[in-house]
Amino acid sequence: VSRVQELVRRSATLEGGILLICEPGADPESVARELHTRGRPPSAPWVPVACGLSDPTEIDRQLFGGADAAAHADLESVGPNSRIVAARGGTLFLQDVTDLPAAVQARLARIARDGEMRVGGSAVPTTVRLVASAPPSIDYDVRDHRFRPALYRRLAASRIDLPPLRDRAEDVPALAARLLDDVAALRGDAAPGFTEAALAL
């Protein structure tokens, strides 16, 4: 875990994409938020996007603003209401990035490569920090061309493999205390503590 914390501190100061590798059930968003907090000014936008939407048209609309056929011909064209424009100067967090449809991967890779996009006919710098989460299987997806290698290279300028909870039992007491605090806050109660026996169990 200390190694991961060091990678987070180091990666936050870089400008390239950051890929968080984790198993299902992990919480990559908290790590992505830490990267954002450490690497961007307090006023910088934080824009999360869940890539696992069942409707490919909807994820395209969210990321690029529902561009029309003319914009699809120009891969860098995005609408002013898009998430990628909303994230300018800040962080765009792509959760479960391997769920992106192939066409969306192509557009995102092109924008990440060129460092600019066209908004309302004008070219503007992208200035977006891309942080994405993916399962360990992304390596096979890239090898078998189910995930675009060009996009992988842009996202994985820094790669952080997050260990599963079973490999970091020392974190369980802190996580348990945090969950207990959250439940108590929802109920309006003072959070009780854990006995040593409970923590040992």
N, C-alpha and C. Protein backbone atom coordinates (compact mmCIF):
# COMPACT_ATOMS: atom_id res chain seq x y z
N VAL A 1 0.83 -1.20 0.00
CA VAL A 1 0.00 0.00 0.00
C VAL A 1 0.87 1.26 0.00
N SER A 2 1.96 1.24 0.75
CA SER A 2 2.83 2.41 0.77
C SER A 2 3.40 2.66 -0.63
N ARG A 3 3.67 1.58 -1.38
CA ARG A 3 4.16 1.74 -2.75
C ARG A 3 3.10 2.42 -3.61
N VAL A 4 1.84 2.03 -3.45
CA VAL A 4 0.75 2.66 -4.20
C VAL A 4 0.64 4.13 -3.84
N GLN A 5 0.75 4.44 -2.55
CA GLN A 5 0.67 5.84 -2.12
C GLN A 5 1.79 6.67 -2.74
N GLU A 6 2.97 6.08 -2.83
CA GLU A 6 4.09 6.79 -3.45
C GLU A 6 3.84 6.99 -4.94
N LEU A 7 3.30 5.98 -5.62
CA LEU A 7 2.97 6.12 -7.04
C LEU A 7 1.91 7.20 -7.26
N VAL A 8 0.94 7.27 -6.36
CA VAL A 8 -0.09 8.30 -6.46
C VAL A 8 0.53 9.68 -6.31
N ARG A 9 1.40 9.86 -5.32
CA ARG A 9 2.04 11.16 -5.11
C ARG A 9 2.88 11.55 -6.33
N ARG A 10 3.61 10.58 -6.88
CA ARG A 10 4.48 10.87 -8.01
C ARG A 10 3.67 11.14 -9.28
N SER A 11 2.65 10.31 -9.53
CA SER A 11 1.86 10.43 -10.76
C SER A 11 1.05 11.71 -10.79
N ALA A 12 0.63 12.18 -9.62
CA ALA A 12 -0.22 13.38 -9.56
C ALA A 12 0.48 14.60 -10.14
N THR A 13 1.80 14.61 -10.12
CA THR A 13 2.54 15.78 -10.60
C THR A 13 2.80 15.71 -12.11
N LEU A 14 2.48 14.59 -12.75
CA LEU A 14 2.73 14.42 -14.18
C LEU A 14 1.51 14.85 -14.98
N GLU A 15 1.71 15.09 -16.26
CA GLU A 15 0.61 15.56 -17.09
C GLU A 15 -0.02 14.47 -17.95
N GLY A 16 0.63 13.31 -18.09
CA GLY A 16 0.07 12.25 -18.91
C GLY A 16 -1.10 11.56 -18.26
N GLY A 17 -1.72 10.63 -19.01
CA GLY A 17 -2.83 9.86 -18.49
C GLY A 17 -2.38 8.91 -17.38
N ILE A 18 -3.34 8.50 -16.56
CA ILE A 18 -3.06 7.58 -15.46
C ILE A 18 -4.09 6.46 -15.52
N LEU A 19 -3.60 5.23 -15.52
CA LEU A 19 -4.48 4.05 -15.57
C LEU A 19 -4.42 3.32 -14.24
N LEU A 20 -5.59 3.15 -13.64
CA LEU A 20 -5.71 2.44 -12.37
C LEU A 20 -6.23 1.04 -12.64
N ILE A 21 -5.43 0.04 -12.32
CA ILE A 21 -5.80 -1.35 -12.55
C ILE A 21 -6.30 -1.95 -11.25
N CYS A 22 -7.52 -2.49 -11.27
CA CYS A 22 -8.07 -3.05 -10.04
C CYS A 22 -9.13 -4.09 -10.36
N GLU A 23 -9.33 -4.98 -9.42
CA GLU A 23 -10.37 -5.99 -9.56
C GLU A 23 -11.73 -5.38 -9.26
N PRO A 24 -12.82 -6.03 -9.75
CA PRO A 24 -14.17 -5.56 -9.41
C PRO A 24 -14.36 -5.50 -7.90
N GLY A 25 -15.09 -4.49 -7.46
CA GLY A 25 -15.34 -4.32 -6.04
C GLY A 25 -14.38 -3.36 -5.37
N ALA A 26 -13.31 -2.99 -6.06
CA ALA A 26 -12.38 -2.01 -5.51
C ALA A 26 -12.98 -0.61 -5.68
N ASP A 27 -12.30 0.38 -5.14
CA ASP A 27 -12.79 1.76 -5.19
C ASP A 27 -11.77 2.65 -5.88
N PRO A 28 -11.63 2.51 -7.22
CA PRO A 28 -10.63 3.33 -7.91
C PRO A 28 -10.98 4.82 -7.91
N GLU A 29 -12.26 5.15 -7.73
CA GLU A 29 -12.63 6.56 -7.76
C GLU A 29 -11.97 7.35 -6.64
N SER A 30 -11.81 6.73 -5.47
CA SER A 30 -11.17 7.46 -4.36
C SER A 30 -9.72 7.74 -4.68
N VAL A 31 -9.05 6.80 -5.37
CA VAL A 31 -7.66 7.03 -5.78
C VAL A 31 -7.60 8.10 -6.86
N ALA A 32 -8.54 8.04 -7.80
CA ALA A 32 -8.58 9.06 -8.85
C ALA A 32 -8.83 10.44 -8.27
N ARG A 33 -9.68 10.53 -7.27
CA ARG A 33 -9.93 11.83 -6.61
C ARG A 33 -8.67 12.34 -5.90
N GLU A 34 -7.93 11.41 -5.31
CA GLU A 34 -6.68 11.80 -4.65
C GLU A 34 -5.69 12.35 -5.67
N LEU A 35 -5.61 11.69 -6.83
CA LEU A 35 -4.75 12.18 -7.91
C LEU A 35 -5.18 13.57 -8.35
N HIS A 36 -6.48 13.77 -8.47
CA HIS A 36 -7.02 15.08 -8.88
C HIS A 36 -6.69 16.14 -7.84
N THR A 37 -6.91 15.82 -6.57
CA THR A 37 -6.67 16.79 -5.49
C THR A 37 -5.20 17.19 -5.42
N ARG A 38 -4.33 16.22 -5.61
CA ARG A 38 -2.89 16.49 -5.51
C ARG A 38 -2.34 17.18 -6.75
N GLY A 39 -2.97 16.96 -7.90
CA GLY A 39 -2.38 17.44 -9.15
C GLY A 39 -3.07 18.62 -9.80
N ARG A 40 -4.17 19.07 -9.24
CA ARG A 40 -4.91 20.16 -9.86
C ARG A 40 -5.28 21.22 -8.82
N PRO A 41 -5.48 22.47 -9.24
CA PRO A 41 -5.90 23.51 -8.29
C PRO A 41 -7.27 23.17 -7.69
N PRO A 42 -7.57 23.72 -6.52
CA PRO A 42 -8.84 23.40 -5.86
C PRO A 42 -10.08 23.69 -6.71
N SER A 43 -9.99 24.69 -7.59
CA SER A 43 -11.15 25.06 -8.40
C SER A 43 -11.27 24.25 -9.69
N ALA A 44 -10.31 23.38 -9.97
CA ALA A 44 -10.32 22.62 -11.23
C ALA A 44 -11.47 21.63 -11.24
N PRO A 45 -12.13 21.44 -12.38
CA PRO A 45 -13.28 20.53 -12.43
C PRO A 45 -12.89 19.07 -12.29
N TRP A 46 -13.74 18.34 -11.59
CA TRP A 46 -13.63 16.89 -11.46
C TRP A 46 -14.86 16.31 -12.17
N VAL A 47 -14.64 15.54 -13.23
CA VAL A 47 -15.76 15.05 -14.05
C VAL A 47 -15.66 13.53 -14.19
N PRO A 48 -16.47 12.78 -13.44
CA PRO A 48 -16.46 11.32 -13.58
C PRO A 48 -17.44 10.86 -14.66
N VAL A 49 -17.08 9.80 -15.36
CA VAL A 49 -17.95 9.21 -16.38
C VAL A 49 -17.96 7.70 -16.20
N ALA A 50 -19.14 7.12 -16.05
CA ALA A 50 -19.28 5.66 -15.98
C ALA A 50 -19.34 5.13 -17.41
N CYS A 51 -18.32 4.38 -17.80
CA CYS A 51 -18.22 3.94 -19.20
C CYS A 51 -19.07 2.72 -19.51
N GLY A 52 -19.64 2.09 -18.49
CA GLY A 52 -20.38 0.85 -18.71
C GLY A 52 -21.84 1.03 -19.08
N LEU A 53 -22.21 2.15 -19.66
CA LEU A 53 -23.59 2.35 -20.08
C LEU A 53 -23.94 1.35 -21.17
N SER A 54 -25.15 0.80 -21.11
CA SER A 54 -25.55 -0.21 -22.09
C SER A 54 -25.81 0.38 -23.46
N ASP A 55 -26.09 1.68 -23.53
CA ASP A 55 -26.39 2.33 -24.79
C ASP A 55 -25.14 3.07 -25.30
N PRO A 56 -24.51 2.57 -26.36
CA PRO A 56 -23.30 3.23 -26.88
C PRO A 56 -23.54 4.68 -27.30
N THR A 57 -24.75 4.97 -27.78
CA THR A 57 -25.06 6.34 -28.20
C THR A 57 -25.02 7.29 -27.01
N GLU A 58 -25.45 6.80 -25.85
CA GLU A 58 -25.50 7.66 -24.66
C GLU A 58 -24.11 8.00 -24.15
N ILE A 59 -23.20 7.03 -24.13
CA ILE A 59 -21.84 7.33 -23.67
C ILE A 59 -21.14 8.26 -24.66
N ASP A 60 -21.42 8.10 -25.95
CA ASP A 60 -20.88 9.02 -26.95
C ASP A 60 -21.41 10.43 -26.71
N ARG A 61 -22.70 10.53 -26.43
CA ARG A 61 -23.31 11.84 -26.19
C ARG A 61 -22.73 12.49 -24.93
N GLN A 62 -22.54 11.69 -23.88
CA GLN A 62 -21.98 12.26 -22.65
C GLN A 62 -20.57 12.78 -22.86
N LEU A 63 -19.72 11.96 -23.48
CA LEU A 63 -18.32 12.34 -23.63
C LEU A 63 -18.11 13.46 -24.63
N PHE A 64 -18.81 13.38 -25.76
CA PHE A 64 -18.53 14.30 -26.87
C PHE A 64 -19.67 15.26 -27.18
N GLY A 65 -20.74 15.21 -26.42
CA GLY A 65 -21.81 16.18 -26.60
C GLY A 65 -22.85 15.81 -27.64
N GLY A 66 -22.97 14.52 -27.92
CA GLY A 66 -24.01 14.11 -28.86
C GLY A 66 -23.81 14.68 -30.23
N ALA A 67 -22.57 14.67 -30.70
CA ALA A 67 -22.25 15.29 -31.98
C ALA A 67 -23.02 14.63 -33.11
N ASP A 68 -23.27 15.40 -34.15
CA ASP A 68 -24.01 14.91 -35.30
C ASP A 68 -23.10 14.19 -36.29
N ALA A 69 -23.64 13.82 -37.44
CA ALA A 69 -22.88 13.04 -38.42
C ALA A 69 -21.65 13.80 -38.91
N ALA A 70 -21.77 15.12 -39.06
CA ALA A 70 -20.62 15.91 -39.52
C ALA A 70 -19.48 15.85 -38.51
N ALA A 71 -19.83 15.87 -37.24
CA ALA A 71 -18.79 15.81 -36.21
C ALA A 71 -18.14 14.44 -36.17
N HIS A 72 -18.91 13.40 -36.46
CA HIS A 72 -18.33 12.06 -36.48
C HIS A 72 -17.30 11.93 -37.59
N ALA A 73 -17.49 12.68 -38.66
CA ALA A 73 -16.51 12.66 -39.74
C ALA A 73 -15.21 13.33 -39.31
N ASP A 74 -15.33 14.28 -38.39
CA ASP A 74 -14.16 14.96 -37.82
C ASP A 74 -14.06 14.50 -36.37
N LEU A 75 -13.19 13.51 -36.12
CA LEU A 75 -13.18 12.84 -34.82
C LEU A 75 -12.91 13.78 -33.66
N GLU A 76 -12.23 14.91 -33.91
CA GLU A 76 -11.89 15.81 -32.81
C GLU A 76 -13.01 16.79 -32.46
N SER A 77 -14.10 16.81 -33.20
CA SER A 77 -15.18 17.75 -32.93
C SER A 77 -16.01 17.28 -31.75
N VAL A 78 -16.24 18.17 -30.81
CA VAL A 78 -17.06 17.86 -29.64
C VAL A 78 -18.02 19.02 -29.40
N GLY A 79 -19.12 18.71 -28.73
CA GLY A 79 -20.09 19.74 -28.42
C GLY A 79 -19.72 20.49 -27.15
N PRO A 80 -20.16 21.73 -27.02
CA PRO A 80 -19.83 22.53 -25.82
C PRO A 80 -20.43 21.96 -24.54
N ASN A 81 -21.44 21.09 -24.67
CA ASN A 81 -22.08 20.49 -23.50
C ASN A 81 -21.50 19.13 -23.15
N SER A 82 -20.34 18.79 -23.72
CA SER A 82 -19.76 17.47 -23.50
C SER A 82 -19.00 17.40 -22.18
N ARG A 83 -18.83 16.19 -21.67
CA ARG A 83 -18.08 16.00 -20.44
C ARG A 83 -16.61 16.36 -20.63
N ILE A 84 -16.08 16.10 -21.82
CA ILE A 84 -14.66 16.37 -22.05
C ILE A 84 -14.39 17.88 -22.05
N VAL A 85 -15.35 18.67 -22.52
CA VAL A 85 -15.21 20.13 -22.44
C VAL A 85 -15.39 20.59 -21.00
N ALA A 86 -16.34 19.97 -20.28
CA ALA A 86 -16.56 20.34 -18.87
C ALA A 86 -15.33 20.08 -18.02
N ALA A 87 -14.49 19.12 -18.44
CA ALA A 87 -13.32 18.74 -17.65
C ALA A 87 -12.08 19.56 -17.98
N ARG A 88 -12.15 20.50 -18.92
CA ARG A 88 -10.96 21.25 -19.31
C ARG A 88 -10.33 21.94 -18.10
N GLY A 89 -9.01 21.76 -17.96
CA GLY A 89 -8.30 22.32 -16.83
C GLY A 89 -8.34 21.45 -15.59
N GLY A 90 -9.08 20.34 -15.68
CA GLY A 90 -9.22 19.45 -14.53
C GLY A 90 -9.02 18.01 -14.90
N THR A 91 -9.84 17.13 -14.31
CA THR A 91 -9.68 15.70 -14.48
C THR A 91 -10.95 15.07 -15.02
N LEU A 92 -10.79 14.24 -16.05
CA LEU A 92 -11.88 13.40 -16.57
C LEU A 92 -11.59 11.98 -16.12
N PHE A 93 -12.45 11.45 -15.25
CA PHE A 93 -12.26 10.09 -14.73
C PHE A 93 -13.16 9.13 -15.47
N LEU A 94 -12.55 8.18 -16.17
CA LEU A 94 -13.28 7.19 -16.97
C LEU A 94 -13.31 5.87 -16.19
N GLN A 95 -14.45 5.60 -15.55
CA GLN A 95 -14.55 4.39 -14.75
C GLN A 95 -14.92 3.21 -15.65
N ASP A 96 -14.19 2.10 -15.51
CA ASP A 96 -14.40 0.90 -16.34
C ASP A 96 -14.22 1.22 -17.82
N VAL A 97 -13.05 1.75 -18.16
CA VAL A 97 -12.80 2.26 -19.50
C VAL A 97 -12.87 1.18 -20.57
N THR A 98 -12.65 -0.08 -20.20
CA THR A 98 -12.71 -1.15 -21.21
C THR A 98 -14.13 -1.37 -21.72
N ASP A 99 -15.13 -0.78 -21.06
CA ASP A 99 -16.51 -0.90 -21.54
C ASP A 99 -16.84 0.07 -22.66
N LEU A 100 -15.91 0.98 -22.99
CA LEU A 100 -16.20 1.95 -24.05
C LEU A 100 -16.33 1.25 -25.40
N PRO A 101 -17.33 1.62 -26.20
CA PRO A 101 -17.45 1.07 -27.55
C PRO A 101 -16.24 1.46 -28.41
N ALA A 102 -15.97 0.66 -29.44
CA ALA A 102 -14.80 0.87 -30.29
C ALA A 102 -14.78 2.27 -30.91
N ALA A 103 -15.92 2.76 -31.36
CA ALA A 103 -15.96 4.08 -32.01
C ALA A 103 -15.62 5.19 -31.02
N VAL A 104 -16.07 5.05 -29.78
CA VAL A 104 -15.77 6.04 -28.75
C VAL A 104 -14.28 5.99 -28.39
N GLN A 105 -13.73 4.78 -28.32
CA GLN A 105 -12.29 4.65 -28.08
C GLN A 105 -11.48 5.38 -29.15
N ALA A 106 -11.91 5.24 -30.41
CA ALA A 106 -11.18 5.88 -31.51
C ALA A 106 -11.19 7.39 -31.38
N ARG A 107 -12.35 7.96 -31.06
CA ARG A 107 -12.44 9.42 -30.93
C ARG A 107 -11.62 9.93 -29.75
N LEU A 108 -11.70 9.21 -28.63
CA LEU A 108 -10.96 9.63 -27.44
C LEU A 108 -9.45 9.53 -27.67
N ALA A 109 -9.02 8.46 -28.35
CA ALA A 109 -7.60 8.29 -28.64
C ALA A 109 -7.09 9.42 -29.53
N ARG A 110 -7.90 9.83 -30.49
CA ARG A 110 -7.50 10.90 -31.41
C ARG A 110 -7.34 12.23 -30.66
N ILE A 111 -8.29 12.54 -29.81
CA ILE A 111 -8.23 13.79 -29.04
C ILE A 111 -7.04 13.77 -28.08
N ALA A 112 -6.82 12.62 -27.42
CA ALA A 112 -5.70 12.51 -26.49
C ALA A 112 -4.37 12.63 -27.23
N ARG A 113 -4.31 12.09 -28.43
CA ARG A 113 -3.07 12.14 -29.21
C ARG A 113 -2.75 13.57 -29.65
N ASP A 114 -3.77 14.27 -30.16
CA ASP A 114 -3.53 15.58 -30.75
C ASP A 114 -3.45 16.70 -29.71
N GLY A 115 -4.00 16.47 -28.52
CA GLY A 115 -3.94 17.50 -27.48
C GLY A 115 -4.84 18.68 -27.75
N GLU A 116 -5.75 18.53 -28.70
CA GLU A 116 -6.71 19.59 -28.97
C GLU A 116 -8.00 18.99 -29.50
N MET A 117 -9.05 19.79 -29.49
CA MET A 117 -10.36 19.38 -30.00
C MET A 117 -11.02 20.58 -30.63
N ARG A 118 -12.03 20.31 -31.43
CA ARG A 118 -12.75 21.39 -32.09
C ARG A 118 -14.09 21.58 -31.39
N VAL A 119 -14.30 22.78 -30.87
CA VAL A 119 -15.54 23.11 -30.17
C VAL A 119 -16.18 24.28 -30.90
N GLY A 120 -17.33 24.04 -31.48
CA GLY A 120 -18.00 25.10 -32.25
C GLY A 120 -17.17 25.58 -33.42
N GLY A 121 -16.39 24.69 -34.01
CA GLY A 121 -15.61 25.06 -35.19
C GLY A 121 -14.24 25.62 -34.87
N SER A 122 -13.95 25.87 -33.60
CA SER A 122 -12.65 26.43 -33.22
C SER A 122 -11.81 25.37 -32.53
N ALA A 123 -10.52 25.34 -32.85
CA ALA A 123 -9.60 24.41 -32.19
C ALA A 123 -9.18 24.96 -30.84
N VAL A 124 -9.32 24.16 -29.80
CA VAL A 124 -8.93 24.58 -28.45
C VAL A 124 -8.07 23.47 -27.83
N PRO A 125 -7.10 23.83 -26.97
CA PRO A 125 -6.31 22.79 -26.30
C PRO A 125 -7.20 21.93 -25.41
N THR A 126 -6.88 20.65 -25.35
CA THR A 126 -7.69 19.74 -24.54
C THR A 126 -7.53 20.06 -23.05
N THR A 127 -6.31 20.19 -22.58
CA THR A 127 -5.99 20.51 -21.18
C THR A 127 -6.81 19.69 -20.18
N VAL A 128 -6.98 18.42 -20.46
CA VAL A 128 -7.72 17.52 -19.57
C VAL A 128 -6.79 16.42 -19.10
N ARG A 129 -6.74 16.21 -17.79
CA ARG A 129 -6.01 15.06 -17.25
C ARG A 129 -6.94 13.85 -17.35
N LEU A 130 -6.52 12.82 -18.07
CA LEU A 130 -7.30 11.60 -18.20
C LEU A 130 -6.85 10.60 -17.15
N VAL A 131 -7.80 10.17 -16.32
CA VAL A 131 -7.56 9.10 -15.35
C VAL A 131 -8.62 8.05 -15.62
N ALA A 132 -8.21 6.79 -15.74
CA ALA A 132 -9.16 5.73 -16.06
C ALA A 132 -8.93 4.53 -15.16
N SER A 133 -10.00 3.77 -14.93
CA SER A 133 -9.87 2.51 -14.21
C SER A 133 -10.21 1.37 -15.16
N ALA A 134 -9.57 0.23 -14.92
CA ALA A 134 -9.78 -0.93 -15.78
C ALA A 134 -9.44 -2.19 -15.00
N PRO A 135 -10.02 -3.32 -15.39
CA PRO A 135 -9.67 -4.59 -14.75
C PRO A 135 -8.32 -5.08 -15.25
N PRO A 136 -7.70 -6.03 -14.53
CA PRO A 136 -6.42 -6.57 -14.99
C PRO A 136 -6.47 -7.16 -16.39
N SER A 137 -7.64 -7.57 -16.84
CA SER A 137 -7.79 -8.19 -18.17
C SER A 137 -7.54 -7.21 -19.31
N ILE A 138 -7.34 -5.92 -19.01
CA ILE A 138 -7.11 -4.95 -20.09
C ILE A 138 -5.87 -5.32 -20.90
N ASP A 139 -4.89 -5.96 -20.29
CA ASP A 139 -3.69 -6.35 -21.03
C ASP A 139 -4.04 -7.33 -22.15
N TYR A 140 -4.94 -8.27 -21.86
CA TYR A 140 -5.38 -9.20 -22.89
C TYR A 140 -6.26 -8.51 -23.92
N ASP A 141 -7.08 -7.55 -23.46
CA ASP A 141 -7.93 -6.81 -24.39
C ASP A 141 -7.10 -6.02 -25.39
N VAL A 142 -6.01 -5.44 -24.93
CA VAL A 142 -5.12 -4.69 -25.83
C VAL A 142 -4.43 -5.66 -26.80
N ARG A 143 -3.93 -6.74 -26.26
CA ARG A 143 -3.23 -7.72 -27.10
C ARG A 143 -4.12 -8.27 -28.21
N ASP A 144 -5.41 -8.51 -27.86
CA ASP A 144 -6.34 -9.10 -28.82
C ASP A 144 -7.15 -8.05 -29.57
N HIS A 145 -6.77 -6.78 -29.42
CA HIS A 145 -7.39 -5.65 -30.13
C HIS A 145 -8.88 -5.47 -29.80
N ARG A 146 -9.26 -5.87 -28.59
CA ARG A 146 -10.59 -5.52 -28.12
C ARG A 146 -10.59 -4.13 -27.50
N PHE A 147 -9.39 -3.69 -27.09
CA PHE A 147 -9.23 -2.32 -26.58
C PHE A 147 -8.14 -1.67 -27.42
N ARG A 148 -8.40 -0.44 -27.84
CA ARG A 148 -7.52 0.24 -28.79
C ARG A 148 -6.13 0.49 -28.18
N PRO A 149 -5.07 -0.08 -28.78
CA PRO A 149 -3.72 0.12 -28.23
C PRO A 149 -3.31 1.58 -28.14
N ALA A 150 -3.72 2.39 -29.12
CA ALA A 150 -3.35 3.82 -29.10
C ALA A 150 -3.95 4.52 -27.88
N LEU A 151 -5.18 4.17 -27.53
CA LEU A 151 -5.80 4.78 -26.35
C LEU A 151 -5.14 4.25 -25.08
N TYR A 152 -4.82 2.97 -25.07
CA TYR A 152 -4.13 2.41 -23.90
C TYR A 152 -2.83 3.16 -23.63
N ARG A 153 -2.05 3.41 -24.68
CA ARG A 153 -0.77 4.10 -24.50
C ARG A 153 -0.97 5.50 -23.91
N ARG A 154 -2.02 6.19 -24.34
CA ARG A 154 -2.28 7.54 -23.81
C ARG A 154 -2.73 7.49 -22.36
N LEU A 155 -3.54 6.50 -22.03
CA LEU A 155 -4.05 6.40 -20.66
C LEU A 155 -2.99 5.89 -19.69
N ALA A 156 -2.10 5.04 -20.17
CA ALA A 156 -1.15 4.36 -19.28
C ALA A 156 0.22 5.00 -19.28
N ALA A 157 0.28 6.32 -19.48
CA ALA A 157 1.57 7.00 -19.29
C ALA A 157 2.09 6.71 -17.89
N SER A 158 1.15 6.65 -16.93
CA SER A 158 1.44 6.13 -15.59
C SER A 158 0.41 5.04 -15.31
N ARG A 159 0.89 3.94 -14.77
CA ARG A 159 -0.01 2.83 -14.44
C ARG A 159 0.15 2.48 -12.97
N ILE A 160 -0.99 2.39 -12.29
CA ILE A 160 -0.98 2.05 -10.87
C ILE A 160 -1.85 0.81 -10.66
N ASP A 161 -1.23 -0.29 -10.23
CA ASP A 161 -1.99 -1.52 -9.94
C ASP A 161 -2.40 -1.49 -8.47
N LEU A 162 -3.71 -1.45 -8.24
CA LEU A 162 -4.23 -1.38 -6.88
C LEU A 162 -4.41 -2.78 -6.32
N PRO A 163 -3.76 -3.12 -5.21
CA PRO A 163 -3.88 -4.47 -4.67
C PRO A 163 -5.28 -4.72 -4.12
N PRO A 164 -5.81 -5.93 -4.27
CA PRO A 164 -7.12 -6.25 -3.70
C PRO A 164 -7.06 -6.26 -2.18
N LEU A 165 -8.20 -6.12 -1.56
CA LEU A 165 -8.26 -6.04 -0.10
C LEU A 165 -7.69 -7.30 0.56
N ARG A 166 -7.84 -8.46 -0.07
CA ARG A 166 -7.32 -9.69 0.53
C ARG A 166 -5.80 -9.65 0.69
N ASP A 167 -5.14 -8.77 -0.07
CA ASP A 167 -3.69 -8.65 0.04
C ASP A 167 -3.25 -7.51 0.95
N ARG A 168 -4.20 -6.84 1.58
CA ARG A 168 -3.84 -5.73 2.47
C ARG A 168 -4.76 -5.72 3.68
N ALA A 169 -4.71 -6.79 4.43
CA ALA A 169 -5.56 -6.95 5.60
C ALA A 169 -5.36 -5.84 6.62
N GLU A 170 -4.17 -5.21 6.61
CA GLU A 170 -3.90 -4.14 7.58
C GLU A 170 -4.80 -2.93 7.36
N ASP A 171 -5.44 -2.84 6.17
CA ASP A 171 -6.33 -1.71 5.90
C ASP A 171 -7.75 -1.95 6.41
N VAL A 172 -8.07 -3.19 6.78
CA VAL A 172 -9.45 -3.52 7.16
C VAL A 172 -9.93 -2.69 8.36
N PRO A 173 -9.16 -2.54 9.45
CA PRO A 173 -9.68 -1.74 10.59
C PRO A 173 -10.05 -0.31 10.18
N ALA A 174 -9.21 0.34 9.38
CA ALA A 174 -9.52 1.72 8.98
C ALA A 174 -10.77 1.76 8.10
N LEU A 175 -10.90 0.79 7.19
CA LEU A 175 -12.09 0.75 6.34
C LEU A 175 -13.35 0.46 7.15
N ALA A 176 -13.23 -0.46 8.10
CA ALA A 176 -14.38 -0.79 8.95
C ALA A 176 -14.82 0.43 9.77
N ALA A 177 -13.85 1.16 10.32
CA ALA A 177 -14.18 2.36 11.10
C ALA A 177 -14.85 3.41 10.22
N ARG A 178 -14.36 3.56 9.00
CA ARG A 178 -14.97 4.55 8.08
C ARG A 178 -16.41 4.16 7.74
N LEU A 179 -16.64 2.88 7.46
CA LEU A 179 -18.00 2.43 7.16
C LEU A 179 -18.92 2.63 8.36
N LEU A 180 -18.41 2.34 9.54
CA LEU A 180 -19.21 2.50 10.76
C LEU A 180 -19.56 3.98 10.96
N ASP A 181 -18.59 4.87 10.72
CA ASP A 181 -18.85 6.30 10.83
C ASP A 181 -19.93 6.74 9.84
N ASP A 182 -19.86 6.22 8.60
CA ASP A 182 -20.84 6.59 7.58
C ASP A 182 -22.25 6.15 7.96
N VAL A 183 -22.36 4.91 8.46
CA VAL A 183 -23.67 4.40 8.86
C VAL A 183 -24.22 5.21 10.03
N ALA A 184 -23.37 5.49 10.99
CA ALA A 184 -23.81 6.27 12.16
C ALA A 184 -24.26 7.67 11.74
N ALA A 185 -23.54 8.28 10.80
CA ALA A 185 -23.91 9.62 10.34
C ALA A 185 -25.27 9.60 9.64
N LEU A 186 -25.54 8.56 8.87
CA LEU A 186 -26.84 8.45 8.20
C LEU A 186 -27.98 8.31 9.21
N ARG A 187 -27.69 7.64 10.30
CA ARG A 187 -28.72 7.44 11.33
C ARG A 187 -28.76 8.58 12.34
N GLY A 188 -27.78 9.47 12.27
CA GLY A 188 -27.74 10.57 13.22
C GLY A 188 -27.23 10.16 14.59
N ASP A 189 -26.50 9.08 14.65
CA ASP A 189 -25.98 8.57 15.92
C ASP A 189 -24.48 8.85 16.04
N ALA A 190 -23.98 8.77 17.25
CA ALA A 190 -22.54 8.80 17.45
C ALA A 190 -21.98 7.43 17.10
N ALA A 191 -20.88 7.42 16.38
CA ALA A 191 -20.31 6.14 15.94
C ALA A 191 -19.71 5.40 17.11
N PRO A 192 -20.12 4.14 17.34
CA PRO A 192 -19.45 3.33 18.37
C PRO A 192 -18.10 2.86 17.83
N GLY A 193 -17.29 2.35 18.72
CA GLY A 193 -16.00 1.83 18.30
C GLY A 193 -16.04 0.31 18.19
N PHE A 194 -14.93 -0.26 17.74
CA PHE A 194 -14.79 -1.71 17.67
C PHE A 194 -13.96 -2.18 18.86
N THR A 195 -14.32 -3.33 19.41
CA THR A 195 -13.47 -3.94 20.44
C THR A 195 -12.25 -4.55 19.75
N GLU A 196 -11.23 -4.81 20.53
CA GLU A 196 -10.03 -5.45 19.98
C GLU A 196 -10.37 -6.82 19.41
N ALA A 197 -11.29 -7.53 20.09
CA ALA A 197 -11.69 -8.86 19.60
C ALA A 197 -12.37 -8.77 18.24
N ALA A 198 -13.21 -7.75 18.07
CA ALA A 198 -13.89 -7.57 16.79
C ALA A 198 -12.89 -7.25 15.68
N LEU A 199 -11.93 -6.39 15.99
CA LEU A 199 -10.93 -6.04 14.99
C LEU A 199 -10.06 -7.25 14.64
N ALA A 200 -9.73 -8.05 15.64
CA ALA A 200 -8.94 -9.25 15.37
C ALA A 200 -9.68 -10.21 14.47
N LEU A 201 -11.00 -10.33 14.70
CA LEU A 201 -11.82 -11.21 13.87
C LEU A 201 -11.89 -10.70 12.44
